[in-house]
Amino acid sequence: MQKKDFILGMVIGVIAPLASYLLTQYTSLQRDYFVEKPIAIHVLAAAINLIVVRFAYRAGKESLAKGVMLLTFLAMVVLIWLTKLKV
């Protein structure tokens, strides 16, 4: 059952970063509200994932939390790599 929870955590963990990517690429939300903060929406996505991790650990779902944490970490590494550290 733990392997299924880990995979489910990875699926849940990819939702917020994917939504933030779609919001920054296909809407004007970034340009309208976060002009001087180019990665603000992505940081919000990471914060959402970390809140999910907290609730998963509190519920005793460690494998789920580890899957979400893995995807959050990878998404932030990719973001920093793509923005060339223009944080």
PDB file of N, CA and C in Angstrom:
ATOM      1  N   MET A   1       0.819  -1.198   0.000  1.00  0.00           N
ATOM      2  CA  MET A   1       0.000   0.000   0.000  1.00  0.00           C
ATOM      3  C   MET A   1       0.860   1.258   0.000  1.00  0.00           C
ATOM      4  N   GLN A   2       2.070   1.188   0.539  1.00  0.00           N
ATOM      5  CA  GLN A   2       2.896   2.373   0.611  1.00  0.00           C
ATOM      6  C   GLN A   2       3.374   2.839  -0.762  1.00  0.00           C
ATOM      7  N   LYS A   3       3.613   1.909  -1.683  1.00  0.00           N
ATOM      8  CA  LYS A   3       4.053   2.307  -3.014  1.00  0.00           C
ATOM      9  C   LYS A   3       2.947   3.073  -3.729  1.00  0.00           C
ATOM     10  N   LYS A   4       1.708   2.634  -3.542  1.00  0.00           N
ATOM     11  CA  LYS A   4       0.579   3.352  -4.139  1.00  0.00           C
ATOM     12  C   LYS A   4       0.455   4.744  -3.540  1.00  0.00           C
ATOM     13  N   ASP A   5       0.692   4.875  -2.230  1.00  0.00           N
ATOM     14  CA  ASP A   5       0.627   6.178  -1.587  1.00  0.00           C
ATOM     15  C   ASP A   5       1.724   7.102  -2.102  1.00  0.00           C
ATOM     16  N   PHE A   6       2.917   6.556  -2.333  1.00  0.00           N
ATOM     17  CA  PHE A   6       4.019   7.366  -2.846  1.00  0.00           C
ATOM     18  C   PHE A   6       3.694   7.878  -4.254  1.00  0.00           C
ATOM     19  N   ILE A   7       3.173   7.010  -5.097  1.00  0.00           N
ATOM     20  CA  ILE A   7       2.804   7.414  -6.460  1.00  0.00           C
ATOM     21  C   ILE A   7       1.664   8.431  -6.422  1.00  0.00           C
ATOM     22  N   LEU A   8       0.686   8.210  -5.550  1.00  0.00           N
ATOM     23  CA  LEU A   8      -0.392   9.174  -5.391  1.00  0.00           C
ATOM     24  C   LEU A   8       0.159  10.512  -4.915  1.00  0.00           C
ATOM     25  N   GLY A   9       1.125  10.490  -4.020  1.00  0.00           N
ATOM     26  CA  GLY A   9       1.765  11.716  -3.560  1.00  0.00           C
ATOM     27  C   GLY A   9       2.475  12.445  -4.687  1.00  0.00           C
ATOM     28  N   MET A  10       3.100  11.684  -5.576  1.00  0.00           N
ATOM     29  CA  MET A  10       3.757  12.307  -6.727  1.00  0.00           C
ATOM     30  C   MET A  10       2.729  12.947  -7.656  1.00  0.00           C
ATOM     31  N   VAL A  11       1.607  12.294  -7.838  1.00  0.00           N
ATOM     32  CA  VAL A  11       0.550  12.854  -8.691  1.00  0.00           C
ATOM     33  C   VAL A  11      -0.014  14.129  -8.056  1.00  0.00           C
ATOM     34  N   ILE A  12      -0.277  14.077  -6.758  1.00  0.00           N
ATOM     35  CA  ILE A  12      -0.790  15.263  -6.056  1.00  0.00           C
ATOM     36  C   ILE A  12       0.255  16.372  -6.072  1.00  0.00           C
ATOM     37  N   GLY A  13       1.517  16.006  -5.924  1.00  0.00           N
ATOM     38  CA  GLY A  13       2.593  16.986  -5.893  1.00  0.00           C
ATOM     39  C   GLY A  13       2.835  17.696  -7.205  1.00  0.00           C
ATOM     40  N   VAL A  14       2.416  17.131  -8.306  1.00  0.00           N
ATOM     41  CA  VAL A  14       2.636  17.760  -9.605  1.00  0.00           C
ATOM     42  C   VAL A  14       1.499  18.729  -9.966  1.00  0.00           C
ATOM     43  N   ILE A  15       0.383  18.663  -9.269  1.00  0.00           N
ATOM     44  CA  ILE A  15      -0.774  19.490  -9.620  1.00  0.00           C
ATOM     45  C   ILE A  15      -0.492  20.981  -9.443  1.00  0.00           C
ATOM     46  N   ALA A  16       0.000  21.393  -8.275  1.00  0.00           N
ATOM     47  CA  ALA A  16       0.235  22.821  -8.014  1.00  0.00           C
ATOM     48  C   ALA A  16       1.335  23.404  -8.922  1.00  0.00           C
ATOM     49  N   PRO A  17       2.485  22.743  -9.092  1.00  0.00           N
ATOM     50  CA  PRO A  17       3.481  23.299 -10.014  1.00  0.00           C
ATOM     51  C   PRO A  17       2.983  23.368 -11.464  1.00  0.00           C
ATOM     52  N   LEU A  18       2.224  22.378 -11.879  1.00  0.00           N
ATOM     53  CA  LEU A  18       1.667  22.407 -13.232  1.00  0.00           C
ATOM     54  C   LEU A  18       0.678  23.556 -13.378  1.00  0.00           C
ATOM     55  N   ALA A  19      -0.157  23.758 -12.373  1.00  0.00           N
ATOM     56  CA  ALA A  19      -1.117  24.873 -12.409  1.00  0.00           C
ATOM     57  C   ALA A  19      -0.381  26.210 -12.430  1.00  0.00           C
ATOM     58  N   SER A  20       0.692  26.330 -11.655  1.00  0.00           N
ATOM     59  CA  SER A  20       1.437  27.591 -11.654  1.00  0.00           C
ATOM     60  C   SER A  20       2.106  27.836 -13.000  1.00  0.00           C
ATOM     61  N   TYR A  21       2.599  26.785 -13.620  1.00  0.00           N
ATOM     62  CA  TYR A  21       3.191  26.942 -14.953  1.00  0.00           C
ATOM     63  C   TYR A  21       2.140  27.398 -15.956  1.00  0.00           C
ATOM     64  N   LEU A  22       0.982  26.758 -15.927  1.00  0.00           N
ATOM     65  CA  LEU A  22      -0.080  27.131 -16.859  1.00  0.00           C
ATOM     66  C   LEU A  22      -0.563  28.560 -16.612  1.00  0.00           C
ATOM     67  N   LEU A  23      -0.646  28.959 -15.351  1.00  0.00           N
ATOM     68  CA  LEU A  23      -1.071  30.323 -15.036  1.00  0.00           C
ATOM     69  C   LEU A  23      -0.061  31.356 -15.522  1.00  0.00           C
ATOM     70  N   THR A  24       1.222  31.062 -15.407  1.00  0.00           N
ATOM     71  CA  THR A  24       2.220  32.034 -15.836  1.00  0.00           C
ATOM     72  C   THR A  24       2.376  32.074 -17.354  1.00  0.00           C
ATOM     73  N   GLN A  25       2.154  30.964 -18.022  1.00  0.00           N
ATOM     74  CA  GLN A  25       2.350  30.921 -19.463  1.00  0.00           C
ATOM     75  C   GLN A  25       1.133  31.363 -20.262  1.00  0.00           C
ATOM     76  N   TYR A  26      -0.054  31.058 -19.777  1.00  0.00           N
ATOM     77  CA  TYR A  26      -1.246  31.262 -20.599  1.00  0.00           C
ATOM     78  C   TYR A  26      -2.230  32.298 -20.057  1.00  0.00           C
ATOM     79  N   THR A  27      -1.863  32.997 -18.989  1.00  0.00           N
ATOM     80  CA  THR A  27      -2.702  34.080 -18.487  1.00  0.00           C
ATOM     81  C   THR A  27      -1.829  35.304 -18.243  1.00  0.00           C
ATOM     82  N   SER A  28      -2.460  36.418 -17.984  1.00  0.00           N
ATOM     83  CA  SER A  28      -1.711  37.642 -17.690  1.00  0.00           C
ATOM     84  C   SER A  28      -1.640  37.894 -16.186  1.00  0.00           C
ATOM     85  N   LEU A  29      -1.940  36.899 -15.391  1.00  0.00           N
ATOM     86  CA  LEU A  29      -1.932  37.037 -13.939  1.00  0.00           C
ATOM     87  C   LEU A  29      -0.561  37.466 -13.424  1.00  0.00           C
ATOM     88  N   GLN A  30       0.481  36.867 -13.919  1.00  0.00           N
ATOM     89  CA  GLN A  30       1.846  37.211 -13.500  1.00  0.00           C
ATOM     90  C   GLN A  30       2.161  38.666 -13.825  1.00  0.00           C
ATOM     91  N   ARG A  31       1.853  39.101 -15.027  1.00  0.00           N
ATOM     92  CA  ARG A  31       2.151  40.469 -15.444  1.00  0.00           C
ATOM     93  C   ARG A  31       1.289  41.491 -14.724  1.00  0.00           C
ATOM     94  N   ASP A  32       0.067  41.138 -14.385  1.00  0.00           N
ATOM     95  CA  ASP A  32      -0.848  42.096 -13.761  1.00  0.00           C
ATOM     96  C   ASP A  32      -0.603  42.286 -12.270  1.00  0.00           C
ATOM     97  N   TYR A  33      -0.330  41.222 -11.548  1.00  0.00           N
ATOM     98  CA  TYR A  33      -0.270  41.304 -10.099  1.00  0.00           C
ATOM     99  C   TYR A  33       1.120  41.141  -9.498  1.00  0.00           C
ATOM    100  N   PHE A  34       2.022  40.469 -10.178  1.00  0.00           N
ATOM    101  CA  PHE A  34       3.346  40.199  -9.629  1.00  0.00           C
ATOM    102  C   PHE A  34       4.437  40.667 -10.592  1.00  0.00           C
ATOM    103  N   VAL A  35       4.408  41.936 -10.933  1.00  0.00           N
ATOM    104  CA  VAL A  35       5.331  42.466 -11.937  1.00  0.00           C
ATOM    105  C   VAL A  35       6.784  42.350 -11.479  1.00  0.00           C
ATOM    106  N   GLU A  36       7.064  42.714 -10.254  1.00  0.00           N
ATOM    107  CA  GLU A  36       8.449  42.724  -9.774  1.00  0.00           C
ATOM    108  C   GLU A  36       8.877  41.400  -9.134  1.00  0.00           C
ATOM    109  N   LYS A  37       7.976  40.454  -9.051  1.00  0.00           N
ATOM    110  CA  LYS A  37       8.274  39.146  -8.463  1.00  0.00           C
ATOM    111  C   LYS A  37       8.033  38.071  -9.519  1.00  0.00           C
ATOM    112  N   PRO A  38       9.018  37.759 -10.345  1.00  0.00           N
ATOM    113  CA  PRO A  38       8.787  36.867 -11.489  1.00  0.00           C
ATOM    114  C   PRO A  38       8.449  35.421 -11.143  1.00  0.00           C
ATOM    115  N   ILE A  39       8.758  34.964  -9.930  1.00  0.00           N
ATOM    116  CA  ILE A  39       8.458  33.571  -9.597  1.00  0.00           C
ATOM    117  C   ILE A  39       7.454  33.455  -8.450  1.00  0.00           C
ATOM    118  N   ALA A  40       6.698  34.494  -8.194  1.00  0.00           N
ATOM    119  CA  ALA A  40       5.778  34.513  -7.052  1.00  0.00           C
ATOM    120  C   ALA A  40       4.730  33.410  -7.137  1.00  0.00           C
ATOM    121  N   ILE A  41       4.172  33.179  -8.292  1.00  0.00           N
ATOM    122  CA  ILE A  41       3.142  32.148  -8.428  1.00  0.00           C
ATOM    123  C   ILE A  41       3.744  30.760  -8.202  1.00  0.00           C
ATOM    124  N   HIS A  42       4.968  30.568  -8.630  1.00  0.00           N
ATOM    125  CA  HIS A  42       5.631  29.280  -8.417  1.00  0.00           C
ATOM    126  C   HIS A  42       5.933  29.050  -6.931  1.00  0.00           C
ATOM    127  N   VAL A  43       6.291  30.100  -6.239  1.00  0.00           N
ATOM    128  CA  VAL A  43       6.539  29.980  -4.803  1.00  0.00           C
ATOM    129  C   VAL A  43       5.234  29.662  -4.076  1.00  0.00           C
ATOM    130  N   LEU A  44       4.133  30.238  -4.516  1.00  0.00           N
ATOM    131  CA  LEU A  44       2.833  29.911  -3.937  1.00  0.00           C
ATOM    132  C   LEU A  44       2.491  28.436  -4.152  1.00  0.00           C
ATOM    133  N   ALA A  45       2.836  27.915  -5.318  1.00  0.00           N
ATOM    134  CA  ALA A  45       2.595  26.495  -5.595  1.00  0.00           C
ATOM    135  C   ALA A  45       3.413  25.616  -4.649  1.00  0.00           C
ATOM    136  N   ALA A  46       4.645  25.996  -4.398  1.00  0.00           N
ATOM    137  CA  ALA A  46       5.481  25.242  -3.464  1.00  0.00           C
ATOM    138  C   ALA A  46       4.907  25.313  -2.052  1.00  0.00           C
ATOM    139  N   ALA A  47       4.409  26.473  -1.670  1.00  0.00           N
ATOM    140  CA  ALA A  47       3.809  26.620  -0.342  1.00  0.00           C
ATOM    141  C   ALA A  47       2.561  25.737  -0.209  1.00  0.00           C
ATOM    142  N   ILE A  48       1.769  25.671  -1.243  1.00  0.00           N
ATOM    143  CA  ILE A  48       0.583  24.802  -1.227  1.00  0.00           C
ATOM    144  C   ILE A  48       0.999  23.349  -1.048  1.00  0.00           C
ATOM    145  N   ASN A  49       2.022  22.941  -1.775  1.00  0.00           N
ATOM    146  CA  ASN A  49       2.499  21.561  -1.636  1.00  0.00           C
ATOM    147  C   ASN A  49       3.039  21.287  -0.241  1.00  0.00           C
ATOM    148  N   LEU A  50       3.709  22.248   0.350  1.00  0.00           N
ATOM    149  CA  LEU A  50       4.246  22.036   1.691  1.00  0.00           C
ATOM    150  C   LEU A  50       3.132  21.955   2.729  1.00  0.00           C
ATOM    151  N   ILE A  51       2.045  22.661   2.508  1.00  0.00           N
ATOM    152  CA  ILE A  51       0.887  22.529   3.395  1.00  0.00           C
ATOM    153  C   ILE A  51       0.286  21.131   3.260  1.00  0.00           C
ATOM    154  N   VAL A  52       0.218  20.626   2.026  1.00  0.00           N
ATOM    155  CA  VAL A  52      -0.271  19.261   1.809  1.00  0.00           C
ATOM    156  C   VAL A  52       0.630  18.260   2.521  1.00  0.00           C
ATOM    157  N   VAL A  53       1.936  18.477   2.477  1.00  0.00           N
ATOM    158  CA  VAL A  53       2.884  17.592   3.156  1.00  0.00           C
ATOM    159  C   VAL A  53       2.626  17.595   4.660  1.00  0.00           C
ATOM    160  N   ARG A  54       2.402  18.760   5.206  1.00  0.00           N
ATOM    161  CA  ARG A  54       2.134  18.851   6.650  1.00  0.00           C
ATOM    162  C   ARG A  54       0.893  18.046   7.031  1.00  0.00           C
ATOM    163  N   PHE A  55      -0.195  18.214   6.270  1.00  0.00           N
ATOM    164  CA  PHE A  55      -1.413  17.479   6.583  1.00  0.00           C
ATOM    165  C   PHE A  55      -1.231  15.975   6.370  1.00  0.00           C
ATOM    166  N   ALA A  56      -0.449  15.596   5.389  1.00  0.00           N
ATOM    167  CA  ALA A  56      -0.210  14.168   5.146  1.00  0.00           C
ATOM    168  C   ALA A  56       0.574  13.551   6.299  1.00  0.00           C
ATOM    169  N   TYR A  57       1.599  14.239   6.785  1.00  0.00           N
ATOM    170  CA  TYR A  57       2.355  13.713   7.924  1.00  0.00           C
ATOM    171  C   TYR A  57       1.486  13.638   9.171  1.00  0.00           C
ATOM    172  N   ARG A  58       0.651  14.645   9.372  1.00  0.00           N
ATOM    173  CA  ARG A  58      -0.225  14.642  10.552  1.00  0.00           C
ATOM    174  C   ARG A  58      -1.234  13.498  10.495  1.00  0.00           C
ATOM    175  N   ALA A  59      -1.618  13.098   9.282  1.00  0.00           N
ATOM    176  CA  ALA A  59      -2.569  11.999   9.120  1.00  0.00           C
ATOM    177  C   ALA A  59      -1.884  10.636   9.129  1.00  0.00           C
ATOM    178  N   GLY A  60      -0.562  10.619   9.237  1.00  0.00           N
ATOM    179  CA  GLY A  60       0.162   9.355   9.272  1.00  0.00           C
ATOM    180  C   GLY A  60       0.450   8.767   7.903  1.00  0.00           C
ATOM    181  N   LYS A  61       0.327   9.553   6.858  1.00  0.00           N
ATOM    182  CA  LYS A  61       0.579   9.097   5.488  1.00  0.00           C
ATOM    183  C   LYS A  61       1.982   9.546   5.054  1.00  0.00           C
ATOM    184  N   GLU A  62       2.991   8.903   5.589  1.00  0.00           N
ATOM    185  CA  GLU A  62       4.365   9.318   5.305  1.00  0.00           C
ATOM    186  C   GLU A  62       4.743   9.120   3.843  1.00  0.00           C
ATOM    187  N   SER A  63       4.319   8.034   3.232  1.00  0.00           N
ATOM    188  CA  SER A  63       4.658   7.779   1.828  1.00  0.00           C
ATOM    189  C   SER A  63       4.036   8.834   0.920  1.00  0.00           C
ATOM    190  N   LEU A  64       2.816   9.219   1.203  1.00  0.00           N
ATOM    191  CA  LEU A  64       2.151  10.263   0.425  1.00  0.00           C
ATOM    192  C   LEU A  64       2.914  11.569   0.561  1.00  0.00           C
ATOM    193  N   ALA A  65       3.295  11.915   1.784  1.00  0.00           N
ATOM    194  CA  ALA A  65       4.031  13.150   2.030  1.00  0.00           C
ATOM    195  C   ALA A  65       5.386  13.140   1.325  1.00  0.00           C
ATOM    196  N   LYS A  66       6.044  11.996   1.311  1.00  0.00           N
ATOM    197  CA  LYS A  66       7.345  11.903   0.648  1.00  0.00           C
ATOM    198  C   LYS A  66       7.209  12.093  -0.860  1.00  0.00           C
ATOM    199  N   GLY A  67       6.144  11.585  -1.458  1.00  0.00           N
ATOM    200  CA  GLY A  67       5.916  11.779  -2.885  1.00  0.00           C
ATOM    201  C   GLY A  67       5.668  13.236  -3.230  1.00  0.00           C
ATOM    202  N   VAL A  68       4.867  13.905  -2.412  1.00  0.00           N
ATOM    203  CA  VAL A  68       4.602  15.332  -2.637  1.00  0.00           C
ATOM    204  C   VAL A  68       5.888  16.133  -2.457  1.00  0.00           C
ATOM    205  N   MET A  69       6.653  15.815  -1.430  1.00  0.00           N
ATOM    206  CA  MET A  69       7.897  16.534  -1.164  1.00  0.00           C
ATOM    207  C   MET A  69       8.901  16.351  -2.299  1.00  0.00           C
ATOM    208  N   LEU A  70       8.998  15.150  -2.834  1.00  0.00           N
ATOM    209  CA  LEU A  70       9.905  14.896  -3.945  1.00  0.00           C
ATOM    210  C   LEU A  70       9.559  15.766  -5.150  1.00  0.00           C
ATOM    211  N   LEU A  71       8.284  15.800  -5.512  1.00  0.00           N
ATOM    212  CA  LEU A  71       7.882  16.598  -6.666  1.00  0.00           C
ATOM    213  C   LEU A  71       8.035  18.086  -6.412  1.00  0.00           C
ATOM    214  N   THR A  72       7.797  18.532  -5.185  1.00  0.00           N
ATOM    215  CA  THR A  72       7.988  19.943  -4.841  1.00  0.00           C
ATOM    216  C   THR A  72       9.450  20.330  -4.998  1.00  0.00           C
ATOM    217  N   PHE A  73      10.335  19.493  -4.491  1.00  0.00           N
ATOM    218  CA  PHE A  73      11.765  19.755  -4.599  1.00  0.00           C
ATOM    219  C   PHE A  73      12.206  19.787  -6.064  1.00  0.00           C
ATOM    220  N   LEU A  74      11.776  18.798  -6.833  1.00  0.00           N
ATOM    221  CA  LEU A  74      12.167  18.754  -8.244  1.00  0.00           C
ATOM    222  C   LEU A  74      11.621  19.949  -9.024  1.00  0.00           C
ATOM    223  N   ALA A  75      10.392  20.340  -8.734  1.00  0.00           N
ATOM    224  CA  ALA A  75       9.799  21.489  -9.426  1.00  0.00           C
ATOM    225  C   ALA A  75      10.584  22.765  -9.117  1.00  0.00           C
ATOM    226  N   MET A  76      11.002  22.947  -7.876  1.00  0.00           N
ATOM    227  CA  MET A  76      11.753  24.150  -7.522  1.00  0.00           C
ATOM    228  C   MET A  76      13.157  24.136  -8.137  1.00  0.00           C
ATOM    229  N   VAL A  77      13.765  22.973  -8.213  1.00  0.00           N
ATOM    230  CA  VAL A  77      15.080  22.883  -8.868  1.00  0.00           C
ATOM    231  C   VAL A  77      14.959  23.238 -10.351  1.00  0.00           C
ATOM    232  N   VAL A  78      13.943  22.705 -11.001  1.00  0.00           N
ATOM    233  CA  VAL A  78      13.722  23.019 -12.415  1.00  0.00           C
ATOM    234  C   VAL A  78      13.428  24.506 -12.587  1.00  0.00           C
ATOM    235  N   LEU A  79      12.640  25.083 -11.696  1.00  0.00           N
ATOM    236  CA  LEU A  79      12.323  26.505 -11.774  1.00  0.00           C
ATOM    237  C   LEU A  79      13.581  27.358 -11.641  1.00  0.00           C
ATOM    238  N   ILE A  80      14.413  27.048 -10.679  1.00  0.00           N
ATOM    239  CA  ILE A  80      15.650  27.812 -10.490  1.00  0.00           C
ATOM    240  C   ILE A  80      16.571  27.637 -11.689  1.00  0.00           C
ATOM    241  N   TRP A  81      16.619  26.439 -12.236  1.00  0.00           N
ATOM    242  CA  TRP A  81      17.462  26.190 -13.405  1.00  0.00           C
ATOM    243  C   TRP A  81      16.943  26.965 -14.619  1.00  0.00           C
ATOM    244  N   LEU A  82      15.633  26.974 -14.827  1.00  0.00           N
ATOM    245  CA  LEU A  82      15.073  27.677 -15.983  1.00  0.00           C
ATOM    246  C   LEU A  82      15.152  29.190 -15.863  1.00  0.00           C
ATOM    247  N   THR A  83      15.024  29.719 -14.654  1.00  0.00           N
ATOM    248  CA  THR A  83      15.099  31.166 -14.486  1.00  0.00           C
ATOM    249  C   THR A  83      16.534  31.640 -14.293  1.00  0.00           C
ATOM    250  N   LYS A  84      17.472  30.728 -14.287  1.00  0.00           N
ATOM    251  CA  LYS A  84      18.900  31.026 -14.157  1.00  0.00           C
ATOM    252  C   LYS A  84      19.188  31.853 -12.911  1.00  0.00           C
ATOM    253  N   LEU A  85      18.547  31.453 -11.788  1.00  0.00           N
ATOM    254  CA  LEU A  85      18.727  32.055 -10.474  1.00  0.00           C
ATOM    255  C   LEU A  85      18.319  33.518 -10.423  1.00  0.00           C
ATOM    256  N   LYS A  86      17.374  33.937 -11.233  1.00  0.00           N
ATOM    257  CA  LYS A  86      16.837  35.301 -11.149  1.00  0.00           C
ATOM    258  C   LYS A  86      15.711  35.314 -10.126  1.00  0.00           C
ATOM    259  N   VAL A  87      16.061  35.010  -8.913  1.00  0.00           N
ATOM    260  CA  VAL A  87      15.062  34.947  -7.848  1.00  0.00           C
ATOM    261  C   VAL A  87      14.965  36.309  -7.264  1.00  0.00           C
TER     262      VAL A  87
END
